[in-house]
Amino acid sequence: MDPHYYPHSVQAVAHAWGEPAAEADLVDRLTQTVRAEHADDQHAA
């Protein structure tokens, strides 16, 4: 399996799987991303 095949987000999830602190950071970043996209959707509507 070529690690370069996977997107960065998948690598981050795999890394966070074994590290609670990394998992919490990943969840925070995903939440911020979703909120930012949702805000963009609200402005577009």
PDB file of N, CA and C in Angstrom:
ATOM      1  N   MET A   1       0.843  -1.192   0.000  1.00  0.00           N
ATOM      2  CA  MET A   1       0.000   0.000   0.000  1.00  0.00           C
ATOM      3  C   MET A   1       0.882   1.248   0.000  1.00  0.00           C
ATOM      4  N   ASP A   2       0.576   2.142  -0.901  1.00  0.00           N
ATOM      5  CA  ASP A   2       1.352   3.373  -1.017  1.00  0.00           C
ATOM      6  C   ASP A   2       0.740   4.445  -0.121  1.00  0.00           C
ATOM      7  N   PRO A   3       1.478   4.890   0.909  1.00  0.00           N
ATOM      8  CA  PRO A   3       0.920   5.901   1.817  1.00  0.00           C
ATOM      9  C   PRO A   3       0.593   7.211   1.109  1.00  0.00           C
ATOM     10  N   HIS A   4       1.232   7.476  -0.021  1.00  0.00           N
ATOM     11  CA  HIS A   4       0.970   8.717  -0.748  1.00  0.00           C
ATOM     12  C   HIS A   4      -0.385   8.673  -1.453  1.00  0.00           C
ATOM     13  N   TYR A   5      -0.953   7.482  -1.551  1.00  0.00           N
ATOM     14  CA  TYR A   5      -2.246   7.325  -2.214  1.00  0.00           C
ATOM     15  C   TYR A   5      -3.370   7.940  -1.395  1.00  0.00           C
ATOM     16  N   TYR A   6      -3.210   7.899  -0.079  1.00  0.00           N
ATOM     17  CA  TYR A   6      -4.277   8.364   0.798  1.00  0.00           C
ATOM     18  C   TYR A   6      -4.219   9.868   1.014  1.00  0.00           C
ATOM     19  N   PRO A   7      -5.387  10.510   1.082  1.00  0.00           N
ATOM     20  CA  PRO A   7      -5.404  11.944   1.403  1.00  0.00           C
ATOM     21  C   PRO A   7      -4.872  12.195   2.805  1.00  0.00           C
ATOM     22  N   HIS A   8      -4.445  13.417   3.049  1.00  0.00           N
ATOM     23  CA  HIS A   8      -3.880  13.779   4.349  1.00  0.00           C
ATOM     24  C   HIS A   8      -4.869  13.512   5.472  1.00  0.00           C
ATOM     25  N   SER A   9      -6.154  13.765   5.237  1.00  0.00           N
ATOM     26  CA  SER A   9      -7.154  13.591   6.288  1.00  0.00           C
ATOM     27  C   SER A   9      -7.226  12.138   6.745  1.00  0.00           C
ATOM     28  N   VAL A  10      -7.087  11.207   5.811  1.00  0.00           N
ATOM     29  CA  VAL A  10      -7.127   9.794   6.176  1.00  0.00           C
ATOM     30  C   VAL A  10      -5.903   9.442   7.010  1.00  0.00           C
ATOM     31  N   GLN A  11      -4.754   9.997   6.649  1.00  0.00           N
ATOM     32  CA  GLN A  11      -3.544   9.758   7.433  1.00  0.00           C
ATOM     33  C   GLN A  11      -3.710  10.320   8.833  1.00  0.00           C
ATOM     34  N   ALA A  12      -4.358  11.486   8.950  1.00  0.00           N
ATOM     35  CA  ALA A  12      -4.573  12.103  10.257  1.00  0.00           C
ATOM     36  C   ALA A  12      -5.473  11.228  11.115  1.00  0.00           C
ATOM     37  N   VAL A  13      -6.508  10.658  10.510  1.00  0.00           N
ATOM     38  CA  VAL A  13      -7.406   9.771  11.254  1.00  0.00           C
ATOM     39  C   VAL A  13      -6.643   8.536  11.719  1.00  0.00           C
ATOM     40  N   ALA A  14      -5.847   7.960  10.842  1.00  0.00           N
ATOM     41  CA  ALA A  14      -5.083   6.772  11.202  1.00  0.00           C
ATOM     42  C   ALA A  14      -4.114   7.079  12.335  1.00  0.00           C
ATOM     43  N   HIS A  15      -3.499   8.250  12.296  1.00  0.00           N
ATOM     44  CA  HIS A  15      -2.564   8.661  13.344  1.00  0.00           C
ATOM     45  C   HIS A  15      -3.312   8.861  14.659  1.00  0.00           C
ATOM     46  N   ALA A  16      -4.478   9.494  14.577  1.00  0.00           N
ATOM     47  CA  ALA A  16      -5.242   9.814  15.782  1.00  0.00           C
ATOM     48  C   ALA A  16      -5.825   8.564  16.433  1.00  0.00           C
ATOM     49  N   TRP A  17      -5.957   7.495  15.657  1.00  0.00           N
ATOM     50  CA  TRP A  17      -6.567   6.260  16.166  1.00  0.00           C
ATOM     51  C   TRP A  17      -5.888   5.794  17.447  1.00  0.00           C
ATOM     52  N   GLY A  18      -4.556   5.943  17.512  1.00  0.00           N
ATOM     53  CA  GLY A  18      -3.816   5.460  18.671  1.00  0.00           C
ATOM     54  C   GLY A  18      -3.428   6.549  19.654  1.00  0.00           C
ATOM     55  N   GLU A  19      -3.811   7.787  19.380  1.00  0.00           N
ATOM     56  CA  GLU A  19      -3.397   8.886  20.255  1.00  0.00           C
ATOM     57  C   GLU A  19      -4.591   9.776  20.601  1.00  0.00           C
ATOM     58  N   PRO A  20      -5.096   9.674  21.835  1.00  0.00           N
ATOM     59  CA  PRO A  20      -6.270  10.459  22.231  1.00  0.00           C
ATOM     60  C   PRO A  20      -6.090  11.958  22.023  1.00  0.00           C
ATOM     61  N   ALA A  21      -4.902  12.493  22.310  1.00  0.00           N
ATOM     62  CA  ALA A  21      -4.688  13.932  22.147  1.00  0.00           C
ATOM     63  C   ALA A  21      -4.780  14.318  20.669  1.00  0.00           C
ATOM     64  N   ALA A  22      -4.209  13.500  19.815  1.00  0.00           N
ATOM     65  CA  ALA A  22      -4.275  13.769  18.382  1.00  0.00           C
ATOM     66  C   ALA A  22      -5.713  13.626  17.889  1.00  0.00           C
ATOM     67  N   GLU A  23      -6.427  12.670  18.461  1.00  0.00           N
ATOM     68  CA  GLU A  23      -7.829  12.474  18.069  1.00  0.00           C
ATOM     69  C   GLU A  23      -8.655  13.704  18.432  1.00  0.00           C
ATOM     70  N   ALA A  24      -8.453  14.233  19.629  1.00  0.00           N
ATOM     71  CA  ALA A  24      -9.196  15.422  20.064  1.00  0.00           C
ATOM     72  C   ALA A  24      -8.880  16.604  19.154  1.00  0.00           C
ATOM     73  N   ASP A  25      -7.604  16.759  18.785  1.00  0.00           N
ATOM     74  CA  ASP A  25      -7.206  17.848  17.900  1.00  0.00           C
ATOM     75  C   ASP A  25      -7.855  17.679  16.532  1.00  0.00           C
ATOM     76  N   LEU A  26      -7.900  16.439  16.047  1.00  0.00           N
ATOM     77  CA  LEU A  26      -8.502  16.168  14.749  1.00  0.00           C
ATOM     78  C   LEU A  26      -9.990  16.507  14.779  1.00  0.00           C
ATOM     79  N   VAL A  27     -10.671  16.111  15.843  1.00  0.00           N
ATOM     80  CA  VAL A  27     -12.102  16.407  15.971  1.00  0.00           C
ATOM     81  C   VAL A  27     -12.325  17.915  15.987  1.00  0.00           C
ATOM     82  N   ASP A  28     -11.478  18.635  16.716  1.00  0.00           N
ATOM     83  CA  ASP A  28     -11.600  20.096  16.764  1.00  0.00           C
ATOM     84  C   ASP A  28     -11.443  20.700  15.368  1.00  0.00           C
ATOM     85  N   ARG A  29     -10.446  20.227  14.625  1.00  0.00           N
ATOM     86  CA  ARG A  29     -10.202  20.782  13.295  1.00  0.00           C
ATOM     87  C   ARG A  29     -11.348  20.447  12.343  1.00  0.00           C
ATOM     88  N   LEU A  30     -11.864  19.222  12.435  1.00  0.00           N
ATOM     89  CA  LEU A  30     -12.986  18.842  11.582  1.00  0.00           C
ATOM     90  C   LEU A  30     -14.213  19.679  11.910  1.00  0.00           C
ATOM     91  N   THR A  31     -14.450  19.907  13.198  1.00  0.00           N
ATOM     92  CA  THR A  31     -15.603  20.709  13.619  1.00  0.00           C
ATOM     93  C   THR A  31     -15.491  22.125  13.077  1.00  0.00           C
ATOM     94  N   GLN A  32     -14.299  22.709  13.164  1.00  0.00           N
ATOM     95  CA  GLN A  32     -14.088  24.067  12.653  1.00  0.00           C
ATOM     96  C   GLN A  32     -14.308  24.105  11.141  1.00  0.00           C
ATOM     97  N   THR A  33     -13.853  23.082  10.448  1.00  0.00           N
ATOM     98  CA  THR A  33     -14.013  23.024   8.993  1.00  0.00           C
ATOM     99  C   THR A  33     -15.483  22.945   8.627  1.00  0.00           C
ATOM    100  N   VAL A  34     -16.220  22.089   9.324  1.00  0.00           N
ATOM    101  CA  VAL A  34     -17.647  21.932   9.037  1.00  0.00           C
ATOM    102  C   VAL A  34     -18.391  23.232   9.323  1.00  0.00           C
ATOM    103  N   ARG A  35     -18.066  23.871  10.432  1.00  0.00           N
ATOM    104  CA  ARG A  35     -18.722  25.139  10.765  1.00  0.00           C
ATOM    105  C   ARG A  35     -18.417  26.202   9.721  1.00  0.00           C
ATOM    106  N   ALA A  36     -17.181  26.254   9.253  1.00  0.00           N
ATOM    107  CA  ALA A  36     -16.798  27.238   8.240  1.00  0.00           C
ATOM    108  C   ALA A  36     -17.561  26.984   6.941  1.00  0.00           C
ATOM    109  N   GLU A  37     -17.682  25.715   6.543  1.00  0.00           N
ATOM    110  CA  GLU A  37     -18.410  25.382   5.322  1.00  0.00           C
ATOM    111  C   GLU A  37     -19.886  25.708   5.492  1.00  0.00           C
ATOM    112  N   HIS A  38     -20.419  25.439   6.665  1.00  0.00           N
ATOM    113  CA  HIS A  38     -21.831  25.721   6.927  1.00  0.00           C
ATOM    114  C   HIS A  38     -22.083  27.225   6.854  1.00  0.00           C
ATOM    115  N   ALA A  39     -21.175  28.011   7.387  1.00  0.00           N
ATOM    116  CA  ALA A  39     -21.304  29.469   7.336  1.00  0.00           C
ATOM    117  C   ALA A  39     -21.275  29.939   5.884  1.00  0.00           C
ATOM    118  N   ASP A  40     -20.413  29.334   5.074  1.00  0.00           N
ATOM    119  CA  ASP A  40     -20.350  29.690   3.659  1.00  0.00           C
ATOM    120  C   ASP A  40     -21.668  29.358   2.971  1.00  0.00           C
ATOM    121  N   ASP A  41     -22.270  28.224   3.329  1.00  0.00           N
ATOM    122  CA  ASP A  41     -23.551  27.831   2.752  1.00  0.00           C
ATOM    123  C   ASP A  41     -24.635  28.842   3.114  1.00  0.00           C
ATOM    124  N   GLN A  42     -24.608  29.325   4.344  1.00  0.00           N
ATOM    125  CA  GLN A  42     -25.603  30.300   4.788  1.00  0.00           C
ATOM    126  C   GLN A  42     -25.479  31.597   3.992  1.00  0.00           C
ATOM    127  N   HIS A  43     -24.247  32.012   3.705  1.00  0.00           N
ATOM    128  CA  HIS A  43     -24.046  33.244   2.950  1.00  0.00           C
ATOM    129  C   HIS A  43     -24.475  33.064   1.495  1.00  0.00           C
ATOM    130  N   ALA A  44     -24.321  31.860   0.979  1.00  0.00           N
ATOM    131  CA  ALA A  44     -24.651  31.601  -0.418  1.00  0.00           C
ATOM    132  C   ALA A  44     -26.162  31.500  -0.619  1.00  0.00           C
ATOM    133  N   ALA A  45     -26.891  31.112   0.411  1.00  0.00           N
ATOM    134  CA  ALA A  45     -28.338  30.895   0.288  1.00  0.00           C
ATOM    135  C   ALA A  45     -29.107  32.200   0.148  1.00  0.00           C
TER     136      ALA A  45
END
